[in-house]
Every structure is written in C-alpha cells, then in structure tokens.
Amino acid sequence: MQPESTNGTSGGGLAVPMAWLCAEYIADEMLRSSALVESGSLEFRAGRQTLALTIHLCETRDDFSAENSAARIEDWLGLTSYGHPWQEWVQAQLEARATHRGDDPDRDLAVDAWRWLRETELLAADLGGLEPWQAAHQPLECGVDEAVQVWTPAWQLGLPLGHLAVHLY
C-alpha cells in the first residue's frame, strides 16, 4: 500500500524530509568540527537540534550552493547571537509555515525538534546575571562557580553552542 503523503517527484513514493535532513547534517558537521562538546552528549544534541532548526527555518529555498554559503553563515550567526529573540523567531517561522503548507514532513521534524528543545531541561552552570558577551577589555565582575548548576531548557544551552560552532566553522 502506498502512503498518502508524497513529495511529488517519485509518482507516489515516500515523502523524504530532505530539507530537514540536510540542515541536521550541516549542524552535525559544524558541531563535530568545533569540538565544543562530546558528540554523544545531550548538550551536543541540544546544539545540533538548535542549529538544525535555525538552518532549516532560515532557508527559504533549497539552494545550498557555495556562492550562498557566506551569506547563509552570516544569517545563522545573526540569528543565534546573544540578544536575538531566537525562540520567538522560531515560533513565528513555524506558524508561518503551518499556514502556507499542507502536509510537510520537514516541518513535522522541525516541530518535533522545537518541542524537544522546549520541554527538555539540562543541568548547566548557573551564570546568574553574568553578561556573557562582555567586552574583552572589561574584567569579569564576578566569577562563575561551575559547581552551582541549574536546570535550563535545552535550547538555551544549544543556542550559544550553535553560535560558537558556526563562528568556528
């Protein structure tokens, strides 16, 4: 029995979420090459899902050519930068895609990733009121005791990891 959902290219075949899979592959490669966290860890998954969601929702076309790579990287850096309302941007992008498309396996995987990032909490060092992007010439006003940890949504840990991975790439 053929599935009801198809991508329109194989005459009734399975719908393959290629845009999501490509975004997840790029995110995985960036995080692995940056070596910021161990690849099997939940922190790695948080970074990969956050970055894949950013990449997927940022792409308005299936154009992964080399000519557009510098502009795409700049977009990803801007979207993952400190102070950008990333979670509101993700929610708006997902809602916009829900109203413009019918059955979309790429969107379904993106929604699942967003749900996991929101609902999963990871234990991380408590940065308190520490401003993470202080100018290099300013000394830190207080130290961070890494032994003091708090539960934080996975996206809040994945976002700076994704940003640093893109920056180091």
N, C-alpha and C. Protein backbone atom coordinates (compact mmCIF):
# COMPACT_ATOMS: atom_id res chain seq x y z
N MET A 1 0.84 -1.17 0.00
CA MET A 1 0.00 0.00 0.00
C MET A 1 0.89 1.24 0.00
N GLN A 2 0.64 2.15 -0.90
CA GLN A 2 1.41 3.40 -1.00
C GLN A 2 0.94 4.39 0.07
N PRO A 3 1.87 5.16 0.65
CA PRO A 3 1.47 6.17 1.63
C PRO A 3 0.72 7.30 0.95
N GLU A 4 -0.12 7.99 1.73
CA GLU A 4 -0.88 9.10 1.17
C GLU A 4 0.01 10.31 0.89
N SER A 5 1.04 10.50 1.69
CA SER A 5 1.91 11.67 1.57
C SER A 5 3.07 11.38 0.63
N THR A 6 3.24 12.21 -0.39
CA THR A 6 4.37 12.06 -1.30
C THR A 6 4.99 13.42 -1.54
N ASN A 7 6.20 13.41 -2.04
CA ASN A 7 6.86 14.68 -2.34
C ASN A 7 6.64 15.11 -3.78
N GLY A 8 5.89 14.35 -4.53
CA GLY A 8 5.53 14.74 -5.88
C GLY A 8 6.57 14.43 -6.94
N THR A 9 7.67 13.79 -6.58
CA THR A 9 8.71 13.55 -7.58
C THR A 9 8.85 12.09 -7.95
N SER A 10 8.29 11.20 -7.14
CA SER A 10 8.52 9.79 -7.40
C SER A 10 7.25 9.04 -7.77
N GLY A 11 6.20 9.75 -8.11
CA GLY A 11 4.99 9.09 -8.53
C GLY A 11 4.35 8.23 -7.46
N GLY A 12 4.21 8.76 -6.27
CA GLY A 12 3.53 8.03 -5.22
C GLY A 12 4.46 7.41 -4.19
N GLY A 13 5.72 7.77 -4.18
CA GLY A 13 6.68 7.23 -3.22
C GLY A 13 6.59 7.93 -1.88
N LEU A 14 7.48 7.53 -1.02
CA LEU A 14 7.54 8.13 0.31
C LEU A 14 7.99 9.58 0.24
N ALA A 15 7.43 10.39 1.13
CA ALA A 15 7.88 11.76 1.27
C ALA A 15 9.15 11.76 2.12
N VAL A 16 10.23 12.29 1.60
CA VAL A 16 11.50 12.30 2.31
C VAL A 16 11.80 13.74 2.74
N PRO A 17 12.01 13.95 4.03
CA PRO A 17 12.26 15.30 4.54
C PRO A 17 13.69 15.76 4.26
N MET A 18 14.02 15.96 3.00
CA MET A 18 15.40 16.28 2.61
C MET A 18 15.89 17.61 3.15
N ALA A 19 15.04 18.62 3.21
CA ALA A 19 15.48 19.92 3.72
C ALA A 19 15.89 19.80 5.19
N TRP A 20 15.10 19.09 5.99
CA TRP A 20 15.44 18.91 7.39
C TRP A 20 16.70 18.06 7.54
N LEU A 21 16.78 16.96 6.80
CA LEU A 21 17.94 16.09 6.90
C LEU A 21 19.22 16.82 6.50
N CYS A 22 19.14 17.67 5.51
CA CYS A 22 20.30 18.45 5.08
C CYS A 22 20.71 19.45 6.17
N ALA A 23 19.73 20.13 6.76
CA ALA A 23 20.01 21.09 7.84
C ALA A 23 20.62 20.38 9.04
N GLU A 24 20.10 19.20 9.37
CA GLU A 24 20.64 18.46 10.50
C GLU A 24 22.06 17.97 10.22
N TYR A 25 22.33 17.59 8.99
CA TYR A 25 23.68 17.15 8.62
C TYR A 25 24.68 18.31 8.74
N ILE A 26 24.30 19.48 8.23
CA ILE A 26 25.17 20.65 8.32
C ILE A 26 25.45 21.00 9.78
N ALA A 27 24.40 21.01 10.59
CA ALA A 27 24.55 21.32 12.02
C ALA A 27 25.47 20.31 12.69
N ASP A 28 25.28 19.04 12.38
CA ASP A 28 26.11 17.99 12.96
C ASP A 28 27.58 18.18 12.59
N GLU A 29 27.84 18.46 11.33
CA GLU A 29 29.22 18.67 10.87
C GLU A 29 29.86 19.89 11.55
N MET A 30 29.10 20.95 11.70
CA MET A 30 29.64 22.16 12.34
C MET A 30 29.98 21.89 13.80
N LEU A 31 29.09 21.21 14.51
CA LEU A 31 29.34 20.92 15.92
C LEU A 31 30.48 19.93 16.11
N ARG A 32 30.55 18.91 15.27
CA ARG A 32 31.64 17.94 15.38
C ARG A 32 32.99 18.60 15.11
N SER A 33 33.05 19.44 14.08
CA SER A 33 34.33 20.06 13.74
C SER A 33 34.75 21.10 14.78
N SER A 34 33.81 21.69 15.49
CA SER A 34 34.17 22.68 16.51
C SER A 34 34.68 22.02 17.79
N ALA A 35 34.30 20.77 18.02
CA ALA A 35 34.73 20.01 19.21
C ALA A 35 34.44 20.73 20.52
N LEU A 36 33.28 21.38 20.59
CA LEU A 36 32.91 22.10 21.80
C LEU A 36 32.40 21.18 22.90
N VAL A 37 31.68 20.14 22.51
CA VAL A 37 31.14 19.17 23.46
C VAL A 37 31.26 17.77 22.85
N GLU A 38 31.19 16.78 23.70
CA GLU A 38 31.29 15.40 23.24
C GLU A 38 30.08 15.05 22.38
N SER A 39 30.34 14.37 21.27
CA SER A 39 29.29 14.15 20.26
C SER A 39 28.13 13.28 20.74
N GLY A 40 28.28 12.46 21.74
CA GLY A 40 27.18 11.63 22.20
C GLY A 40 26.37 12.24 23.33
N SER A 41 26.70 13.44 23.73
CA SER A 41 26.08 14.04 24.91
C SER A 41 24.75 14.73 24.59
N LEU A 42 23.97 14.96 25.63
CA LEU A 42 22.73 15.72 25.46
C LEU A 42 23.01 17.16 25.07
N GLU A 43 24.12 17.69 25.53
CA GLU A 43 24.50 19.05 25.15
C GLU A 43 24.75 19.14 23.65
N PHE A 44 25.39 18.10 23.10
CA PHE A 44 25.63 18.05 21.66
C PHE A 44 24.30 18.00 20.92
N ARG A 45 23.39 17.15 21.40
CA ARG A 45 22.08 17.07 20.75
C ARG A 45 21.36 18.41 20.81
N ALA A 46 21.43 19.09 21.95
CA ALA A 46 20.78 20.39 22.07
C ALA A 46 21.37 21.38 21.07
N GLY A 47 22.69 21.39 20.94
CA GLY A 47 23.33 22.28 19.97
C GLY A 47 22.96 21.92 18.54
N ARG A 48 22.97 20.62 18.24
CA ARG A 48 22.64 20.18 16.88
C ARG A 48 21.20 20.50 16.52
N GLN A 49 20.27 20.23 17.43
CA GLN A 49 18.86 20.50 17.14
C GLN A 49 18.60 22.00 17.02
N THR A 50 19.22 22.79 17.88
CA THR A 50 19.07 24.24 17.81
C THR A 50 19.62 24.78 16.50
N LEU A 51 20.79 24.34 16.14
CA LEU A 51 21.41 24.82 14.91
C LEU A 51 20.66 24.30 13.68
N ALA A 52 20.24 23.04 13.69
CA ALA A 52 19.47 22.49 12.57
C ALA A 52 18.16 23.25 12.39
N LEU A 53 17.51 23.57 13.49
CA LEU A 53 16.26 24.33 13.41
C LEU A 53 16.51 25.72 12.84
N THR A 54 17.59 26.35 13.25
CA THR A 54 17.95 27.67 12.71
C THR A 54 18.23 27.58 11.22
N ILE A 55 19.03 26.61 10.82
CA ILE A 55 19.38 26.45 9.41
C ILE A 55 18.14 26.16 8.58
N HIS A 56 17.33 25.24 9.04
CA HIS A 56 16.13 24.84 8.29
C HIS A 56 15.15 26.00 8.14
N LEU A 57 14.89 26.72 9.22
CA LEU A 57 13.92 27.80 9.16
C LEU A 57 14.45 29.04 8.46
N CYS A 58 15.76 29.17 8.39
CA CYS A 58 16.38 30.30 7.71
C CYS A 58 16.34 30.12 6.19
N GLU A 59 16.36 28.88 5.74
CA GLU A 59 16.38 28.60 4.31
C GLU A 59 14.99 28.81 3.71
N THR A 60 14.93 29.67 2.72
CA THR A 60 13.68 29.89 2.02
C THR A 60 13.69 29.21 0.67
N ARG A 61 14.80 28.57 0.37
CA ARG A 61 14.95 27.88 -0.91
C ARG A 61 15.86 26.68 -0.68
N ASP A 62 15.87 25.77 -1.60
CA ASP A 62 16.74 24.60 -1.50
C ASP A 62 18.05 24.85 -2.23
N ASP A 63 18.64 26.02 -2.02
CA ASP A 63 19.86 26.40 -2.71
C ASP A 63 21.03 26.32 -1.75
N PHE A 64 21.77 25.23 -1.82
CA PHE A 64 22.92 25.04 -0.94
C PHE A 64 24.21 25.21 -1.73
N SER A 65 24.24 26.14 -2.65
CA SER A 65 25.43 26.34 -3.48
C SER A 65 26.51 27.08 -2.70
N ALA A 66 27.74 26.95 -3.16
CA ALA A 66 28.87 27.58 -2.50
C ALA A 66 28.78 29.10 -2.54
N GLU A 67 28.16 29.65 -3.57
CA GLU A 67 28.07 31.12 -3.69
C GLU A 67 27.26 31.73 -2.54
N ASN A 68 26.32 30.98 -2.02
CA ASN A 68 25.46 31.50 -0.97
C ASN A 68 25.92 31.13 0.44
N SER A 69 27.00 30.38 0.57
CA SER A 69 27.41 29.90 1.88
C SER A 69 27.82 31.02 2.83
N ALA A 70 28.54 32.02 2.37
CA ALA A 70 28.97 33.11 3.26
C ALA A 70 27.77 33.90 3.78
N ALA A 71 26.82 34.17 2.92
CA ALA A 71 25.62 34.90 3.35
C ALA A 71 24.80 34.08 4.32
N ARG A 72 24.70 32.78 4.08
CA ARG A 72 23.94 31.91 4.98
C ARG A 72 24.60 31.86 6.35
N ILE A 73 25.92 31.76 6.39
CA ILE A 73 26.63 31.71 7.67
C ILE A 73 26.42 33.00 8.44
N GLU A 74 26.46 34.12 7.76
CA GLU A 74 26.19 35.41 8.42
C GLU A 74 24.77 35.44 8.99
N ASP A 75 23.82 34.91 8.24
CA ASP A 75 22.43 34.84 8.73
C ASP A 75 22.35 33.99 9.99
N TRP A 76 23.00 32.82 9.96
CA TRP A 76 22.96 31.92 11.11
C TRP A 76 23.63 32.54 12.32
N LEU A 77 24.73 33.25 12.12
CA LEU A 77 25.39 33.92 13.23
C LEU A 77 24.49 34.99 13.83
N GLY A 78 23.83 35.74 12.99
CA GLY A 78 22.93 36.78 13.48
C GLY A 78 21.75 36.21 14.25
N LEU A 79 21.17 35.14 13.75
CA LEU A 79 20.01 34.54 14.39
C LEU A 79 20.35 33.88 15.72
N THR A 80 21.56 33.38 15.87
CA THR A 80 21.95 32.69 17.11
C THR A 80 22.72 33.60 18.06
N SER A 81 22.89 34.85 17.71
CA SER A 81 23.68 35.76 18.54
C SER A 81 22.95 36.12 19.83
N TYR A 82 23.73 36.50 20.82
CA TYR A 82 23.17 36.89 22.12
C TYR A 82 22.25 38.10 21.94
N GLY A 83 21.10 38.03 22.54
CA GLY A 83 20.16 39.13 22.49
C GLY A 83 19.12 39.01 21.38
N HIS A 84 19.35 38.15 20.41
CA HIS A 84 18.36 37.96 19.36
C HIS A 84 17.21 37.13 19.94
N PRO A 85 15.98 37.53 19.70
CA PRO A 85 14.84 36.77 20.24
C PRO A 85 14.61 35.47 19.46
N TRP A 86 15.53 34.55 19.59
CA TRP A 86 15.54 33.33 18.79
C TRP A 86 14.26 32.51 18.96
N GLN A 87 13.84 32.29 20.21
CA GLN A 87 12.68 31.44 20.43
C GLN A 87 11.41 32.04 19.81
N GLU A 88 11.26 33.35 19.85
CA GLU A 88 10.11 34.00 19.21
C GLU A 88 10.20 33.88 17.69
N TRP A 89 11.42 34.00 17.15
CA TRP A 89 11.63 33.86 15.71
C TRP A 89 11.27 32.44 15.25
N VAL A 90 11.71 31.43 16.00
CA VAL A 90 11.40 30.03 15.66
C VAL A 90 9.89 29.82 15.66
N GLN A 91 9.23 30.27 16.70
CA GLN A 91 7.78 30.08 16.80
C GLN A 91 7.06 30.76 15.64
N ALA A 92 7.46 31.97 15.29
CA ALA A 92 6.85 32.69 14.17
C ALA A 92 7.08 31.98 12.84
N GLN A 93 8.30 31.48 12.64
CA GLN A 93 8.61 30.76 11.40
C GLN A 93 7.80 29.48 11.27
N LEU A 94 7.68 28.74 12.37
CA LEU A 94 6.90 27.50 12.33
C LEU A 94 5.42 27.78 12.08
N GLU A 95 4.90 28.83 12.71
CA GLU A 95 3.50 29.18 12.49
C GLU A 95 3.26 29.63 11.06
N ALA A 96 4.19 30.40 10.50
CA ALA A 96 4.04 30.84 9.11
C ALA A 96 4.06 29.66 8.15
N ARG A 97 4.92 28.70 8.42
CA ARG A 97 4.99 27.52 7.55
C ARG A 97 3.76 26.64 7.69
N ALA A 98 3.14 26.65 8.86
CA ALA A 98 1.94 25.84 9.06
C ALA A 98 0.77 26.37 8.24
N THR A 99 0.71 27.67 8.07
CA THR A 99 -0.41 28.26 7.34
C THR A 99 -0.19 28.25 5.84
N HIS A 100 1.04 28.10 5.39
CA HIS A 100 1.34 28.16 3.96
C HIS A 100 1.48 26.79 3.30
N ARG A 101 1.62 25.74 4.09
CA ARG A 101 1.86 24.42 3.51
C ARG A 101 0.91 23.41 4.14
N GLY A 102 0.61 22.39 3.39
CA GLY A 102 -0.20 21.30 3.90
C GLY A 102 0.67 20.32 4.65
N ASP A 103 0.60 19.05 4.26
CA ASP A 103 1.40 18.01 4.88
C ASP A 103 2.86 18.20 4.49
N ASP A 104 3.73 18.43 5.47
CA ASP A 104 5.13 18.72 5.21
C ASP A 104 6.00 17.95 6.20
N PRO A 105 6.65 16.87 5.75
CA PRO A 105 7.48 16.09 6.69
C PRO A 105 8.66 16.88 7.24
N ASP A 106 9.19 17.83 6.49
CA ASP A 106 10.28 18.68 7.01
C ASP A 106 9.79 19.49 8.19
N ARG A 107 8.63 20.10 8.03
CA ARG A 107 8.06 20.91 9.11
C ARG A 107 7.75 20.04 10.32
N ASP A 108 7.24 18.82 10.09
CA ASP A 108 6.93 17.93 11.20
C ASP A 108 8.18 17.63 12.03
N LEU A 109 9.30 17.38 11.38
CA LEU A 109 10.55 17.13 12.11
C LEU A 109 11.03 18.39 12.82
N ALA A 110 10.85 19.54 12.21
CA ALA A 110 11.23 20.81 12.85
C ALA A 110 10.38 21.05 14.09
N VAL A 111 9.09 20.78 13.99
CA VAL A 111 8.19 20.94 15.15
C VAL A 111 8.60 19.98 16.27
N ASP A 112 8.93 18.74 15.92
CA ASP A 112 9.38 17.78 16.93
C ASP A 112 10.68 18.25 17.60
N ALA A 113 11.60 18.79 16.81
CA ALA A 113 12.86 19.30 17.38
C ALA A 113 12.58 20.47 18.32
N TRP A 114 11.69 21.37 17.92
CA TRP A 114 11.35 22.53 18.76
C TRP A 114 10.69 22.08 20.05
N ARG A 115 9.82 21.09 19.97
CA ARG A 115 9.17 20.56 21.17
C ARG A 115 10.22 19.97 22.12
N TRP A 116 11.16 19.18 21.58
CA TRP A 116 12.20 18.59 22.41
C TRP A 116 13.06 19.68 23.05
N LEU A 117 13.42 20.69 22.30
CA LEU A 117 14.27 21.77 22.82
C LEU A 117 13.57 22.56 23.92
N ARG A 118 12.26 22.74 23.82
CA ARG A 118 11.50 23.47 24.84
C ARG A 118 11.25 22.64 26.08
N GLU A 119 10.93 21.35 25.89
CA GLU A 119 10.48 20.52 27.00
C GLU A 119 11.62 19.81 27.74
N THR A 120 12.77 19.68 27.13
CA THR A 120 13.90 19.01 27.76
C THR A 120 14.74 20.03 28.52
N GLU A 121 15.03 19.72 29.77
CA GLU A 121 15.89 20.59 30.56
C GLU A 121 17.20 19.88 30.84
N LEU A 122 18.28 20.65 30.77
CA LEU A 122 19.62 20.14 31.02
C LEU A 122 20.22 20.86 32.21
N LEU A 123 21.04 20.16 32.96
CA LEU A 123 21.72 20.75 34.11
C LEU A 123 22.97 21.46 33.61
N ALA A 124 23.05 22.76 33.88
CA ALA A 124 24.18 23.56 33.38
C ALA A 124 24.64 24.52 34.47
N ALA A 125 25.84 25.03 34.31
CA ALA A 125 26.38 26.01 35.26
C ALA A 125 25.47 27.22 35.33
N ASP A 126 25.25 27.73 36.53
CA ASP A 126 24.41 28.89 36.74
C ASP A 126 25.21 30.15 36.46
N LEU A 127 24.87 30.81 35.38
CA LEU A 127 25.56 32.04 35.02
C LEU A 127 24.96 33.25 35.71
N GLY A 128 23.81 33.05 36.36
CA GLY A 128 23.17 34.13 37.10
C GLY A 128 22.96 35.35 36.23
N GLY A 129 23.35 36.49 36.73
CA GLY A 129 23.21 37.73 35.98
C GLY A 129 24.43 38.08 35.16
N LEU A 130 25.35 37.13 35.01
CA LEU A 130 26.59 37.38 34.28
C LEU A 130 26.29 37.70 32.82
N GLU A 131 26.79 38.80 32.34
CA GLU A 131 26.64 39.20 30.94
C GLU A 131 27.61 38.38 30.10
N PRO A 132 27.12 37.47 29.23
CA PRO A 132 28.02 36.57 28.53
C PRO A 132 28.89 37.22 27.46
N TRP A 133 28.51 38.37 26.96
CA TRP A 133 29.26 38.97 25.85
C TRP A 133 29.94 40.27 26.29
N GLN A 134 30.61 40.25 27.44
CA GLN A 134 31.31 41.44 27.89
C GLN A 134 32.48 41.74 26.96
N ALA A 135 32.78 43.01 26.84
CA ALA A 135 33.92 43.39 26.01
C ALA A 135 35.19 42.79 26.58
N ALA A 136 36.13 42.46 25.72
CA ALA A 136 37.36 41.79 26.14
C ALA A 136 38.18 42.62 27.12
N HIS A 137 38.10 43.95 27.01
CA HIS A 137 38.91 44.79 27.89
C HIS A 137 38.29 44.97 29.27
N GLN A 138 37.04 44.52 29.46
CA GLN A 138 36.39 44.67 30.75
C GLN A 138 36.60 43.40 31.58
N PRO A 139 37.10 43.55 32.80
CA PRO A 139 37.27 42.36 33.64
C PRO A 139 35.91 41.85 34.11
N LEU A 140 35.82 40.55 34.33
CA LEU A 140 34.58 39.99 34.86
C LEU A 140 34.39 40.48 36.28
N GLU A 141 33.16 40.91 36.58
CA GLU A 141 32.88 41.44 37.90
C GLU A 141 32.73 40.33 38.94
N CYS A 142 32.33 39.15 38.47
CA CYS A 142 32.19 38.04 39.40
C CYS A 142 32.60 36.76 38.70
N GLY A 143 33.07 35.81 39.44
CA GLY A 143 33.44 34.53 38.87
C GLY A 143 32.22 33.63 38.78
N VAL A 144 32.33 32.61 37.99
CA VAL A 144 31.26 31.64 37.85
C VAL A 144 31.69 30.38 38.57
N ASP A 145 30.90 29.96 39.52
CA ASP A 145 31.15 28.71 40.22
C ASP A 145 30.46 27.61 39.43
N GLU A 146 31.24 26.81 38.71
CA GLU A 146 30.65 25.78 37.85
C GLU A 146 30.03 24.65 38.65
N ALA A 147 30.29 24.60 39.94
CA ALA A 147 29.67 23.58 40.79
C ALA A 147 28.20 23.91 41.05
N VAL A 148 27.85 25.19 40.96
CA VAL A 148 26.45 25.60 41.15
C VAL A 148 25.76 25.47 39.80
N GLN A 149 24.79 24.56 39.75
CA GLN A 149 24.12 24.29 38.48
C GLN A 149 22.62 24.48 38.61
N VAL A 150 21.99 24.79 37.49
CA VAL A 150 20.55 24.97 37.42
C VAL A 150 20.01 24.21 36.20
N TRP A 151 18.72 23.90 36.25
CA TRP A 151 18.07 23.27 35.11
C TRP A 151 17.66 24.35 34.12
N THR A 152 17.99 24.13 32.87
CA THR A 152 17.69 25.13 31.83
C THR A 152 17.13 24.42 30.60
N PRO A 153 16.21 25.05 29.87
CA PRO A 153 15.70 24.43 28.65
C PRO A 153 16.85 24.15 27.68
N ALA A 154 16.74 23.06 26.94
CA ALA A 154 17.81 22.62 26.05
C ALA A 154 18.18 23.69 25.03
N TRP A 155 17.21 24.45 24.55
CA TRP A 155 17.53 25.45 23.53
C TRP A 155 18.43 26.55 24.10
N GLN A 156 18.29 26.85 25.40
CA GLN A 156 19.12 27.90 25.99
C GLN A 156 20.58 27.48 26.10
N LEU A 157 20.84 26.20 26.16
CA LEU A 157 22.21 25.70 26.13
C LEU A 157 22.67 25.49 24.69
N GLY A 158 21.75 25.02 23.84
CA GLY A 158 22.09 24.75 22.45
C GLY A 158 22.36 25.99 21.62
N LEU A 159 21.72 27.09 21.96
CA LEU A 159 21.88 28.32 21.18
C LEU A 159 23.31 28.86 21.19
N PRO A 160 23.95 29.06 22.35
CA PRO A 160 25.34 29.51 22.31
C PRO A 160 26.29 28.47 21.72
N LEU A 161 26.00 27.18 21.94
CA LEU A 161 26.83 26.14 21.32
C LEU A 161 26.74 26.22 19.79
N GLY A 162 25.52 26.38 19.29
CA GLY A 162 25.34 26.53 17.84
C GLY A 162 26.03 27.75 17.31
N HIS A 163 25.91 28.86 18.01
CA HIS A 163 26.54 30.10 17.59
C HIS A 163 28.07 29.94 17.50
N LEU A 164 28.65 29.37 18.55
CA LEU A 164 30.10 29.17 18.56
C LEU A 164 30.54 28.19 17.47
N ALA A 165 29.75 27.14 17.24
CA ALA A 165 30.10 26.18 16.19
C ALA A 165 30.10 26.85 14.81
N VAL A 166 29.10 27.70 14.55
CA VAL A 166 29.06 28.41 13.27
C VAL A 166 30.24 29.35 13.17
N HIS A 167 30.52 30.05 14.26
CA HIS A 167 31.64 31.01 14.27
C HIS A 167 32.98 30.31 14.03
N LEU A 168 33.17 29.14 14.61
CA LEU A 168 34.42 28.41 14.45
C LEU A 168 34.54 27.68 13.11
N TYR A 169 33.43 27.53 12.42
CA TYR A 169 33.42 26.79 11.17
C TYR A 169 34.09 27.59 10.12
